[in-house]
Structures are given as structure tokens and as C-alpha cells.
PDB file of all heavy atoms in Angstrom:
ATOM      1  N   PRO A   1      44.863  95.419-122.047  1.00  0.00           N
ATOM      2  CA  PRO A   1      44.078  94.309-121.499  1.00  0.00           C
ATOM      3  C   PRO A   1      43.384  93.534-122.614  1.00  0.00           C
ATOM      4  O   PRO A   1      42.917  94.129-123.589  1.00  0.00           O
ATOM      5  CB  PRO A   1      43.071  95.015-120.589  1.00  0.00           C
ATOM      6  CG  PRO A   1      43.707  96.328-120.261  1.00  0.00           C
ATOM      7  CD  PRO A   1      44.488  96.719-121.477  1.00  0.00           C
ATOM      8  N   TYR A   2      43.341  92.228-122.498  1.00  0.00           N
ATOM      9  CA  TYR A   2      42.787  91.330-123.513  1.00  0.00           C
ATOM     10  C   TYR A   2      43.552  91.448-124.835  1.00  0.00           C
ATOM     11  O   TYR A   2      43.014  91.197-125.909  1.00  0.00           O
ATOM     12  CB  TYR A   2      41.291  91.585-123.733  1.00  0.00           C
ATOM     13  CG  TYR A   2      40.460  91.341-122.505  1.00  0.00           C
ATOM     14  CD1 TYR A   2      39.976  92.406-121.748  1.00  0.00           C
ATOM     15  CD2 TYR A   2      40.177  90.050-122.066  1.00  0.00           C
ATOM     16  CE1 TYR A   2      39.224  92.194-120.603  1.00  0.00           C
ATOM     17  CE2 TYR A   2      39.428  89.825-120.922  1.00  0.00           C
ATOM     18  CZ  TYR A   2      38.956  90.903-120.200  1.00  0.00           C
ATOM     19  OH  TYR A   2      38.214  90.680-119.058  1.00  0.00           O
ATOM     20  N   GLY A   3      44.831  91.794-124.744  1.00  0.00           N
ATOM     21  CA  GLY A   3      45.632  91.985-125.945  1.00  0.00           C
ATOM     22  C   GLY A   3      45.941  90.717-126.705  1.00  0.00           C
ATOM     23  O   GLY A   3      46.417  90.782-127.842  1.00  0.00           O
ATOM     24  N   ALA A   4      45.690  89.546-126.115  1.00  0.00           N
ATOM     25  CA  ALA A   4      45.883  88.281-126.818  1.00  0.00           C
ATOM     26  C   ALA A   4      44.577  87.754-127.422  1.00  0.00           C
ATOM     27  O   ALA A   4      44.604  86.788-128.184  1.00  0.00           O
ATOM     28  CB  ALA A   4      46.462  87.226-125.880  1.00  0.00           C
ATOM     29  N   HIS A   5      43.451  88.316-127.081  1.00  0.00           N
ATOM     30  CA  HIS A   5      42.152  87.840-127.561  1.00  0.00           C
ATOM     31  C   HIS A   5      42.098  87.866-129.083  1.00  0.00           C
ATOM     32  O   HIS A   5      42.563  88.809-129.701  1.00  0.00           O
ATOM     33  CB  HIS A   5      41.022  88.721-127.002  1.00  0.00           C
ATOM     34  CG  HIS A   5      39.657  88.233-127.385  1.00  0.00           C
ATOM     35  ND1 HIS A   5      39.032  88.612-128.555  1.00  0.00           N
ATOM     36  CD2 HIS A   5      38.811  87.387-126.774  1.00  0.00           C
ATOM     37  CE1 HIS A   5      37.854  88.033-128.623  1.00  0.00           C
ATOM     38  NE2 HIS A   5      37.706  87.275-127.557  1.00  0.00           N
ATOM     39  N   PRO A   6      41.548  86.804-129.706  1.00  0.00           N
ATOM     40  CA  PRO A   6      40.775  85.699-129.129  1.00  0.00           C
ATOM     41  C   PRO A   6      41.600  84.493-128.683  1.00  0.00           C
ATOM     42  O   PRO A   6      41.019  83.465-128.343  1.00  0.00           O
ATOM     43  CB  PRO A   6      39.835  85.317-130.272  1.00  0.00           C
ATOM     44  CG  PRO A   6      40.663  85.590-131.497  1.00  0.00           C
ATOM     45  CD  PRO A   6      41.461  86.822-131.180  1.00  0.00           C
ATOM     46  N   SER A   7      42.927  84.580-128.697  1.00  0.00           N
ATOM     47  CA  SER A   7      43.711  83.502-128.096  1.00  0.00           C
ATOM     48  C   SER A   7      43.717  83.690-126.576  1.00  0.00           C
ATOM     49  O   SER A   7      43.207  84.688-126.063  1.00  0.00           O
ATOM     50  CB  SER A   7      45.136  83.495-128.661  1.00  0.00           C
ATOM     51  OG  SER A   7      45.884  84.601-128.200  1.00  0.00           O
ATOM     52  N   SER A   8      44.293  82.757-125.868  1.00  0.00           N
ATOM     53  CA  SER A   8      44.271  82.806-124.411  1.00  0.00           C
ATOM     54  C   SER A   8      45.469  83.563-123.864  1.00  0.00           C
ATOM     55  O   SER A   8      46.485  83.751-124.551  1.00  0.00           O
ATOM     56  CB  SER A   8      44.284  81.385-123.836  1.00  0.00           C
ATOM     57  OG  SER A   8      45.501  80.734-124.186  1.00  0.00           O
ATOM     58  N   CYS A   9      45.334  83.991-122.632  1.00  0.00           N
ATOM     59  CA  CYS A   9      46.479  84.510-121.876  1.00  0.00           C
ATOM     60  C   CYS A   9      46.294  84.047-120.438  1.00  0.00           C
ATOM     61  O   CYS A   9      45.775  84.775-119.594  1.00  0.00           O
ATOM     62  CB  CYS A   9      46.566  86.035-121.951  1.00  0.00           C
ATOM     63  SG  CYS A   9      48.053  86.696-121.140  1.00  0.00           S
ATOM     64  N   TYR A  10      46.671  82.798-120.205  1.00  0.00           N
ATOM     65  CA  TYR A  10      46.532  82.238-118.861  1.00  0.00           C
ATOM     66  C   TYR A  10      47.549  82.874-117.931  1.00  0.00           C
ATOM     67  O   TYR A  10      48.655  83.200-118.357  1.00  0.00           O
ATOM     68  CB  TYR A  10      46.724  80.722-118.902  1.00  0.00           C
ATOM     69  CG  TYR A  10      45.620  79.987-119.619  1.00  0.00           C
ATOM     70  CD1 TYR A  10      45.817  79.417-120.881  1.00  0.00           C
ATOM     71  CD2 TYR A  10      44.348  79.879-119.044  1.00  0.00           C
ATOM     72  CE1 TYR A  10      44.799  78.745-121.533  1.00  0.00           C
ATOM     73  CE2 TYR A  10      43.325  79.214-119.699  1.00  0.00           C
ATOM     74  CZ  TYR A  10      43.559  78.653-120.939  1.00  0.00           C
ATOM     75  OH  TYR A  10      42.535  77.995-121.581  1.00  0.00           O
ATOM     76  N   PRO A  11      47.188  83.108-116.663  1.00  0.00           N
ATOM     77  CA  PRO A  11      45.960  82.669-115.990  1.00  0.00           C
ATOM     78  C   PRO A  11      44.796  83.646-116.111  1.00  0.00           C
ATOM     79  O   PRO A  11      43.758  83.444-115.500  1.00  0.00           O
ATOM     80  CB  PRO A  11      46.405  82.577-114.529  1.00  0.00           C
ATOM     81  CG  PRO A  11      47.400  83.687-114.396  1.00  0.00           C
ATOM     82  CD  PRO A  11      48.140  83.721-115.692  1.00  0.00           C
ATOM     83  N   ASP A  12      44.931  84.686-116.940  1.00  0.00           N
ATOM     84  CA  ASP A  12      43.904  85.733-116.978  1.00  0.00           C
ATOM     85  C   ASP A  12      42.639  85.305-117.698  1.00  0.00           C
ATOM     86  O   ASP A  12      41.538  85.596-117.230  1.00  0.00           O
ATOM     87  CB  ASP A  12      44.479  87.003-117.622  1.00  0.00           C
ATOM     88  CG  ASP A  12      45.547  87.632-116.763  1.00  0.00           C
ATOM     89  OD1 ASP A  12      45.205  88.438-115.893  1.00  0.00           O
ATOM     90  OD2 ASP A  12      46.733  87.298-116.937  1.00  0.00           O
ATOM     91  N   TYR A  13      42.768  84.664-118.858  1.00  0.00           N
ATOM     92  CA  TYR A  13      41.557  84.276-119.586  1.00  0.00           C
ATOM     93  C   TYR A  13      41.853  83.145-120.561  1.00  0.00           C
ATOM     94  O   TYR A  13      42.990  82.963-121.007  1.00  0.00           O
ATOM     95  CB  TYR A  13      40.936  85.465-120.340  1.00  0.00           C
ATOM     96  CG  TYR A  13      41.901  86.286-121.162  1.00  0.00           C
ATOM     97  CD1 TYR A  13      42.172  85.966-122.488  1.00  0.00           C
ATOM     98  CD2 TYR A  13      42.524  87.398-120.609  1.00  0.00           C
ATOM     99  CE1 TYR A  13      43.048  86.736-123.237  1.00  0.00           C
ATOM    100  CE2 TYR A  13      43.405  88.169-121.353  1.00  0.00           C
ATOM    101  CZ  TYR A  13      43.660  87.825-122.676  1.00  0.00           C
ATOM    102  OH  TYR A  13      44.536  88.590-123.413  1.00  0.00           O
ATOM    103  N   ALA A  14      40.802  82.395-120.843  1.00  0.00           N
ATOM    104  CA  ALA A  14      40.869  81.287-121.791  1.00  0.00           C
ATOM    105  C   ALA A  14      40.714  81.824-123.213  1.00  0.00           C
ATOM    106  O   ALA A  14      40.343  82.977-123.427  1.00  0.00           O
ATOM    107  CB  ALA A  14      39.761  80.279-121.494  1.00  0.00           C
ATOM    108  N   TYR A  15      40.977  80.944-124.186  1.00  0.00           N
ATOM    109  CA  TYR A  15      40.795  81.396-125.563  1.00  0.00           C
ATOM    110  C   TYR A  15      39.314  81.383-125.920  1.00  0.00           C
ATOM    111  O   TYR A  15      38.508  80.639-125.364  1.00  0.00           O
ATOM    112  CB  TYR A  15      41.653  80.569-126.518  1.00  0.00           C
ATOM    113  CG  TYR A  15      41.040  79.320-127.108  1.00  0.00           C
ATOM    114  CD1 TYR A  15      40.753  79.271-128.462  1.00  0.00           C
ATOM    115  CD2 TYR A  15      40.810  78.176-126.348  1.00  0.00           C
ATOM    116  CE1 TYR A  15      40.235  78.132-129.042  1.00  0.00           C
ATOM    117  CE2 TYR A  15      40.297  77.026-126.917  1.00  0.00           C
ATOM    118  CZ  TYR A  15      40.010  77.007-128.266  1.00  0.00           C
ATOM    119  OH  TYR A  15      39.503  75.876-128.840  1.00  0.00           O
ATOM    120  N   ASP A  16      38.952  82.262-126.854  1.00  0.00           N
ATOM    121  CA  ASP A  16      37.549  82.480-127.203  1.00  0.00           C
ATOM    122  C   ASP A  16      37.210  81.602-128.401  1.00  0.00           C
ATOM    123  O   ASP A  16      37.345  82.004-129.561  1.00  0.00           O
ATOM    124  CB  ASP A  16      37.322  83.957-127.521  1.00  0.00           C
ATOM    125  CG  ASP A  16      35.844  84.309-127.618  1.00  0.00           C
ATOM    126  OD1 ASP A  16      35.027  83.396-127.847  1.00  0.00           O
ATOM    127  OD2 ASP A  16      35.518  85.499-127.455  1.00  0.00           O
ATOM    128  N   ARG A  17      36.743  80.399-128.104  1.00  0.00           N
ATOM    129  CA  ARG A  17      36.462  79.438-129.168  1.00  0.00           C
ATOM    130  C   ARG A  17      35.380  79.938-130.114  1.00  0.00           C
ATOM    131  O   ARG A  17      35.473  79.761-131.342  1.00  0.00           O
ATOM    132  CB  ARG A  17      36.038  78.102-128.567  1.00  0.00           C
ATOM    133  CG  ARG A  17      35.841  77.004-129.598  1.00  0.00           C
ATOM    134  CD  ARG A  17      35.511  75.661-128.950  1.00  0.00           C
ATOM    135  NE  ARG A  17      35.468  74.605-129.941  1.00  0.00           N
ATOM    136  CZ  ARG A  17      34.383  74.281-130.645  1.00  0.00           C
ATOM    137  NH1 ARG A  17      33.240  74.942-130.442  1.00  0.00           N
ATOM    138  NH2 ARG A  17      34.433  73.317-131.541  1.00  0.00           N
ATOM    139  N   ALA A  18      34.368  80.583-129.578  1.00  0.00           N
ATOM    140  CA  ALA A  18      33.273  81.077-130.418  1.00  0.00           C
ATOM    141  C   ALA A  18      33.771  82.130-131.401  1.00  0.00           C
ATOM    142  O   ALA A  18      33.411  82.134-132.587  1.00  0.00           O
ATOM    143  CB  ALA A  18      32.154  81.643-129.548  1.00  0.00           C
ATOM    144  N   HIS A  19      34.621  83.039-130.918  1.00  0.00           N
ATOM    145  CA  HIS A  19      35.117  84.095-131.803  1.00  0.00           C
ATOM    146  C   HIS A  19      36.064  83.525-132.856  1.00  0.00           C
ATOM    147  O   HIS A  19      36.007  83.929-134.033  1.00  0.00           O
ATOM    148  CB  HIS A  19      35.832  85.177-130.994  1.00  0.00           C
ATOM    149  CG  HIS A  19      36.236  86.352-131.826  1.00  0.00           C
ATOM    150  ND1 HIS A  19      35.484  87.498-131.917  1.00  0.00           N
ATOM    151  CD2 HIS A  19      37.312  86.551-132.631  1.00  0.00           C
ATOM    152  CE1 HIS A  19      36.074  88.351-132.728  1.00  0.00           C
ATOM    153  NE2 HIS A  19      37.194  87.790-133.170  1.00  0.00           N
ATOM    154  N   ILE A  20      36.921  82.602-132.454  1.00  0.00           N
ATOM    155  CA  ILE A  20      37.812  81.978-133.428  1.00  0.00           C
ATOM    156  C   ILE A  20      36.999  81.239-134.486  1.00  0.00           C
ATOM    157  O   ILE A  20      37.317  81.297-135.681  1.00  0.00           O
ATOM    158  CB  ILE A  20      38.812  81.042-132.734  1.00  0.00           C
ATOM    159  CG1 ILE A  20      39.817  81.882-131.928  1.00  0.00           C
ATOM    160  CG2 ILE A  20      39.555  80.174-133.739  1.00  0.00           C
ATOM    161  CD1 ILE A  20      40.825  81.082-131.147  1.00  0.00           C
ATOM    162  N   GLY A  21      35.928  80.571-134.053  1.00  0.00           N
ATOM    163  CA  GLY A  21      35.053  79.907-135.013  1.00  0.00           C
ATOM    164  C   GLY A  21      34.429  80.899-135.983  1.00  0.00           C
ATOM    165  O   GLY A  21      34.308  80.625-137.188  1.00  0.00           O
ATOM    166  N   GLU A  22      34.029  82.069-135.485  1.00  0.00           N
ATOM    167  CA  GLU A  22      33.470  83.112-136.345  1.00  0.00           C
ATOM    168  C   GLU A  22      34.496  83.550-137.393  1.00  0.00           C
ATOM    169  O   GLU A  22      34.174  83.707-138.577  1.00  0.00           O
ATOM    170  CB  GLU A  22      33.038  84.312-135.493  1.00  0.00           C
ATOM    171  CG  GLU A  22      32.437  85.453-136.292  1.00  0.00           C
ATOM    172  CD  GLU A  22      32.044  86.633-135.411  1.00  0.00           C
ATOM    173  OE1 GLU A  22      32.160  86.530-134.174  1.00  0.00           O
ATOM    174  OE2 GLU A  22      31.623  87.668-135.976  1.00  0.00           O
ATOM    175  N   TYR A  23      35.739  83.721-136.943  1.00  0.00           N
ATOM    176  CA  TYR A  23      36.782  84.118-137.905  1.00  0.00           C
ATOM    177  C   TYR A  23      37.023  83.028-138.938  1.00  0.00           C
ATOM    178  O   TYR A  23      37.111  83.305-140.151  1.00  0.00           O
ATOM    179  CB  TYR A  23      38.095  84.442-137.190  1.00  0.00           C
ATOM    180  CG  TYR A  23      39.205  84.607-138.212  1.00  0.00           C
ATOM    181  CD1 TYR A  23      39.318  85.786-138.934  1.00  0.00           C
ATOM    182  CD2 TYR A  23      40.074  83.547-138.507  1.00  0.00           C
ATOM    183  CE1 TYR A  23      40.284  85.922-139.922  1.00  0.00           C
ATOM    184  CE2 TYR A  23      41.034  83.681-139.492  1.00  0.00           C
ATOM    185  CZ  TYR A  23      41.143  84.867-140.195  1.00  0.00           C
ATOM    186  OH  TYR A  23      42.070  84.996-141.188  1.00  0.00           O
ATOM    187  N   VAL A  24      37.169  81.777-138.494  1.00  0.00           N
ATOM    188  CA  VAL A  24      37.489  80.685-139.415  1.00  0.00           C
ATOM    189  C   VAL A  24      36.400  80.533-140.473  1.00  0.00           C
ATOM    190  O   VAL A  24      36.696  80.331-141.659  1.00  0.00           O
ATOM    191  CB  VAL A  24      37.699  79.365-138.646  1.00  0.00           C
ATOM    192  CG1 VAL A  24      37.806  78.189-139.611  1.00  0.00           C
ATOM    193  CG2 VAL A  24      38.957  79.448-137.792  1.00  0.00           C
ATOM    194  N   ARG A  25      35.144  80.643-140.076  1.00  0.00           N
ATOM    195  CA  ARG A  25      34.056  80.541-141.058  1.00  0.00           C
ATOM    196  C   ARG A  25      34.129  81.674-142.075  1.00  0.00           C
ATOM    197  O   ARG A  25      33.933  81.464-143.273  1.00  0.00           O
ATOM    198  CB  ARG A  25      32.708  80.529-140.334  1.00  0.00           C
ATOM    199  CG  ARG A  25      32.425  79.231-139.582  1.00  0.00           C
ATOM    200  CD  ARG A  25      31.007  79.184-139.045  1.00  0.00           C
ATOM    201  NE  ARG A  25      30.800  80.167-137.981  1.00  0.00           N
ATOM    202  CZ  ARG A  25      31.062  79.942-136.691  1.00  0.00           C
ATOM    203  NH1 ARG A  25      31.556  78.762-136.300  1.00  0.00           N
ATOM    204  NH2 ARG A  25      30.840  80.873-135.775  1.00  0.00           N
ATOM    205  N   ALA A  26      34.411  82.879-141.609  1.00  0.00           N
ATOM    206  CA  ALA A  26      34.519  84.017-142.524  1.00  0.00           C
ATOM    207  C   ALA A  26      35.721  83.850-143.452  1.00  0.00           C
ATOM    208  O   ALA A  26      35.631  84.110-144.665  1.00  0.00           O
ATOM    209  CB  ALA A  26      34.629  85.311-141.732  1.00  0.00           C
ATOM    210  N   ALA A  27      36.845  83.417-142.898  1.00  0.00           N
ATOM    211  CA  ALA A  27      38.052  83.244-143.705  1.00  0.00           C
ATOM    212  C   ALA A  27      37.873  82.123-144.722  1.00  0.00           C
ATOM    213  O   ALA A  27      38.396  82.195-145.840  1.00  0.00           O
ATOM    214  CB  ALA A  27      39.243  82.962-142.810  1.00  0.00           C
ATOM    215  N   ALA A  28      37.150  81.073-144.341  1.00  0.00           N
ATOM    216  CA  ALA A  28      36.913  79.956-145.254  1.00  0.00           C
ATOM    217  C   ALA A  28      36.060  80.393-146.443  1.00  0.00           C
ATOM    218  O   ALA A  28      36.294  79.969-147.579  1.00  0.00           O
ATOM    219  CB  ALA A  28      36.247  78.805-144.513  1.00  0.00           C
ATOM    220  N   GLN A  29      35.075  81.257-146.184  1.00  0.00           N
ATOM    221  CA  GLN A  29      34.235  81.765-147.266  1.00  0.00           C
ATOM    222  C   GLN A  29      34.987  82.766-148.132  1.00  0.00           C
ATOM    223  O   GLN A  29      34.781  82.841-149.346  1.00  0.00           O
ATOM    224  CB  GLN A  29      32.984  82.418-146.698  1.00  0.00           C
ATOM    225  CG  GLN A  29      32.023  81.454-146.027  1.00  0.00           C
ATOM    226  CD  GLN A  29      30.803  82.164-145.475  1.00  0.00           C
ATOM    227  OE1 GLN A  29      30.096  82.859-146.219  1.00  0.00           O
ATOM    228  NE2 GLN A  29      30.562  82.026-144.192  1.00  0.00           N
ATOM    229  N   GLY A  30      35.836  83.569-147.497  1.00  0.00           N
ATOM    230  CA  GLY A  30      36.560  84.590-148.227  1.00  0.00           C
ATOM    231  C   GLY A  30      35.626  85.688-148.722  1.00  0.00           C
ATOM    232  O   GLY A  30      34.471  85.791-148.292  1.00  0.00           O
ATOM    233  N   GLY A  31      36.092  86.488-149.629  1.00  0.00           N
ATOM    234  CA  GLY A  31      35.253  87.509-150.254  1.00  0.00           C
ATOM    235  C   GLY A  31      34.576  88.431-149.268  1.00  0.00           C
ATOM    236  O   GLY A  31      35.189  88.949-148.326  1.00  0.00           O
ATOM    237  N   ALA A  32      33.257  88.609-149.466  1.00  0.00           N
ATOM    238  CA  ALA A  32      32.487  89.553-148.655  1.00  0.00           C
ATOM    239  C   ALA A  32      32.440  89.148-147.189  1.00  0.00           C
ATOM    240  O   ALA A  32      32.453  90.007-146.298  1.00  0.00           O
ATOM    241  CB  ALA A  32      31.066  89.683-149.217  1.00  0.00           C
ATOM    242  N   ALA A  33      32.394  87.835-146.917  1.00  0.00           N
ATOM    243  CA  ALA A  33      32.323  87.374-145.528  1.00  0.00           C
ATOM    244  C   ALA A  33      33.596  87.752-144.772  1.00  0.00           C
ATOM    245  O   ALA A  33      33.538  88.217-143.629  1.00  0.00           O
ATOM    246  CB  ALA A  33      32.111  85.865-145.484  1.00  0.00           C
ATOM    247  N   LEU A  34      34.739  87.573-145.403  1.00  0.00           N
ATOM    248  CA  LEU A  34      36.002  87.923-144.768  1.00  0.00           C
ATOM    249  C   LEU A  34      36.141  89.436-144.628  1.00  0.00           C
ATOM    250  O   LEU A  34      36.584  89.935-143.581  1.00  0.00           O
ATOM    251  CB  LEU A  34      37.163  87.361-145.578  1.00  0.00           C
ATOM    252  CG  LEU A  34      38.569  87.583-145.023  1.00  0.00           C
ATOM    253  CD1 LEU A  34      38.684  87.096-143.584  1.00  0.00           C
ATOM    254  CD2 LEU A  34      39.598  86.888-145.905  1.00  0.00           C
ATOM    255  N   GLU A  35      35.738  90.171-145.637  1.00  0.00           N
ATOM    256  CA  GLU A  35      35.785  91.630-145.552  1.00  0.00           C
ATOM    257  C   GLU A  35      34.884  92.149-144.438  1.00  0.00           C
ATOM    258  O   GLU A  35      35.227  93.107-143.742  1.00  0.00           O
ATOM    259  CB  GLU A  35      35.382  92.254-146.891  1.00  0.00           C
ATOM    260  CG  GLU A  35      36.449  92.174-147.953  1.00  0.00           C
ATOM    261  CD  GLU A  35      37.731  92.868-147.534  1.00  0.00           C
ATOM    262  OE1 GLU A  35      37.654  93.984-146.964  1.00  0.00           O
ATOM    263  OE2 GLU A  35      38.807  92.297-147.754  1.00  0.00           O
ATOM    264  N   ASP A  36      33.741  91.494-144.256  1.00  0.00           N
ATOM    265  CA  ASP A  36      32.829  91.898-143.186  1.00  0.00           C
ATOM    266  C   ASP A  36      33.472  91.681-141.818  1.00  0.00           C
ATOM    267  O   ASP A  36      33.351  92.535-140.929  1.00  0.00           O
ATOM    268  CB  ASP A  36      31.519  91.102-143.286  1.00  0.00           C
ATOM    269  CG  ASP A  36      30.537  91.501-142.203  1.00  0.00           C
ATOM    270  OD1 ASP A  36      30.044  92.644-142.250  1.00  0.00           O
ATOM    271  OD2 ASP A  36      30.263  90.677-141.302  1.00  0.00           O
ATOM    272  N   TYR A  37      34.170  90.547-141.654  1.00  0.00           N
ATOM    273  CA  TYR A  37      34.865  90.310-140.385  1.00  0.00           C
ATOM    274  C   TYR A  37      35.920  91.382-140.139  1.00  0.00           C
ATOM    275  O   TYR A  37      36.009  91.953-139.043  1.00  0.00           O
ATOM    276  CB  TYR A  37      35.518  88.925-140.368  1.00  0.00           C
ATOM    277  CG  TYR A  37      36.310  88.694-139.092  1.00  0.00           C
ATOM    278  CD1 TYR A  37      35.718  88.103-137.976  1.00  0.00           C
ATOM    279  CD2 TYR A  37      37.638  89.122-138.977  1.00  0.00           C
ATOM    280  CE1 TYR A  37      36.423  87.939-136.794  1.00  0.00           C
ATOM    281  CE2 TYR A  37      38.348  88.964-137.801  1.00  0.00           C
ATOM    282  CZ  TYR A  37      37.732  88.378-136.713  1.00  0.00           C
ATOM    283  OH  TYR A  37      38.444  88.237-135.547  1.00  0.00           O
ATOM    284  N   LEU A  38      36.730  91.655-141.150  1.00  0.00           N
ATOM    285  CA  LEU A  38      37.795  92.653-140.994  1.00  0.00           C
ATOM    286  C   LEU A  38      37.220  94.027-140.673  1.00  0.00           C
ATOM    287  O   LEU A  38      37.747  94.749-139.820  1.00  0.00           O
ATOM    288  CB  LEU A  38      38.637  92.717-142.269  1.00  0.00           C
ATOM    289  CG  LEU A  38      39.486  91.472-142.578  1.00  0.00           C
ATOM    290  CD1 LEU A  38      40.137  91.598-143.951  1.00  0.00           C
ATOM    291  CD2 LEU A  38      40.544  91.259-141.510  1.00  0.00           C
ATOM    292  N   GLN A  39      36.125  94.377-141.342  1.00  0.00           N
ATOM    293  CA  GLN A  39      35.502  95.670-141.082  1.00  0.00           C
ATOM    294  C   GLN A  39      34.918  95.733-139.678  1.00  0.00           C
ATOM    295  O   GLN A  39      35.042  96.748-138.975  1.00  0.00           O
ATOM    296  CB  GLN A  39      34.400  95.938-142.118  1.00  0.00           C
ATOM    297  CG  GLN A  39      33.596  97.206-141.897  1.00  0.00           C
ATOM    298  CD  GLN A  39      34.430  98.476-141.985  1.00  0.00           C
ATOM    299  OE1 GLN A  39      35.432  98.501-142.685  1.00  0.00           O
ATOM    300  NE2 GLN A  39      34.014  99.522-141.275  1.00  0.00           N
ATOM    301  N   ARG A  40      34.357  94.650-139.237  1.00  0.00           N
ATOM    302  CA  ARG A  40      33.701  94.642-137.932  1.00  0.00           C
ATOM    303  C   ARG A  40      34.693  94.659-136.783  1.00  0.00           C
ATOM    304  O   ARG A  40      34.459  95.326-135.766  1.00  0.00           O
ATOM    305  CB  ARG A  40      32.804  93.409-137.817  1.00  0.00           C
ATOM    306  CG  ARG A  40      32.016  93.344-136.513  1.00  0.00           C
ATOM    307  CD  ARG A  40      31.068  92.171-136.500  1.00  0.00           C
ATOM    308  NE  ARG A  40      30.319  92.115-135.253  1.00  0.00           N
ATOM    309  CZ  ARG A  40      29.505  91.139-134.915  1.00  0.00           C
ATOM    310  NH1 ARG A  40      29.303  90.123-135.757  1.00  0.00           N
ATOM    311  NH2 ARG A  40      28.869  91.152-133.760  1.00  0.00           N
ATOM    312  N   TYR A  41      35.825  93.943-136.957  1.00  0.00           N
ATOM    313  CA  TYR A  41      36.721  93.748-135.811  1.00  0.00           C
ATOM    314  C   TYR A  41      38.115  94.365-135.968  1.00  0.00           C
ATOM    315  O   TYR A  41      38.855  94.440-134.985  1.00  0.00           O
ATOM    316  CB  TYR A  41      36.892  92.255-135.535  1.00  0.00           C
ATOM    317  CG  TYR A  41      35.632  91.576-135.074  1.00  0.00           C
ATOM    318  CD1 TYR A  41      34.998  90.619-135.872  1.00  0.00           C
ATOM    319  CD2 TYR A  41      35.069  91.870-133.833  1.00  0.00           C
ATOM    320  CE1 TYR A  41      33.842  89.980-135.438  1.00  0.00           C
ATOM    321  CE2 TYR A  41      33.912  91.237-133.402  1.00  0.00           C
ATOM    322  CZ  TYR A  41      33.305  90.292-134.209  1.00  0.00           C
ATOM    323  OH  TYR A  41      32.154  89.665-133.791  1.00  0.00           O
ATOM    324  N   VAL A  42      38.490  94.777-137.166  1.00  0.00           N
ATOM    325  CA  VAL A  42      39.870  95.244-137.348  1.00  0.00           C
ATOM    326  C   VAL A  42      39.895  96.624-137.996  1.00  0.00           C
ATOM    327  O   VAL A  42      40.091  97.638-137.325  1.00  0.00           O
ATOM    328  CB  VAL A  42      40.702  94.236-138.183  1.00  0.00           C
ATOM    329  CG1 VAL A  42      42.172  94.669-138.229  1.00  0.00           C
ATOM    330  CG2 VAL A  42      40.601  92.826-137.609  1.00  0.00           C
TER     331      VAL A  42
END
């Protein structure tokens, strides 16, 4: 369940814009910010 998150899987759920934004900001910074995202969510 929620195996497509943070992308959408209609009709079950919309994509998670806030979470994607969190990832993009971390990926844009790179370094410690990106490592923190990976550690927190992956």
C-alpha cells in the first residue's frame, strides 16, 4: 500500500507535493542535506 508514494496512484491517492518538494530541496543542496533525506526515508 502507498507503494507509489510520493508519486500518485489514481484513483487511490494524489501525489504528495510537499514530500516531493522536501526531496527536491535536499537533492538540490546535496551533501549533508541529501544524506539526511536518504537516512530519514530510505
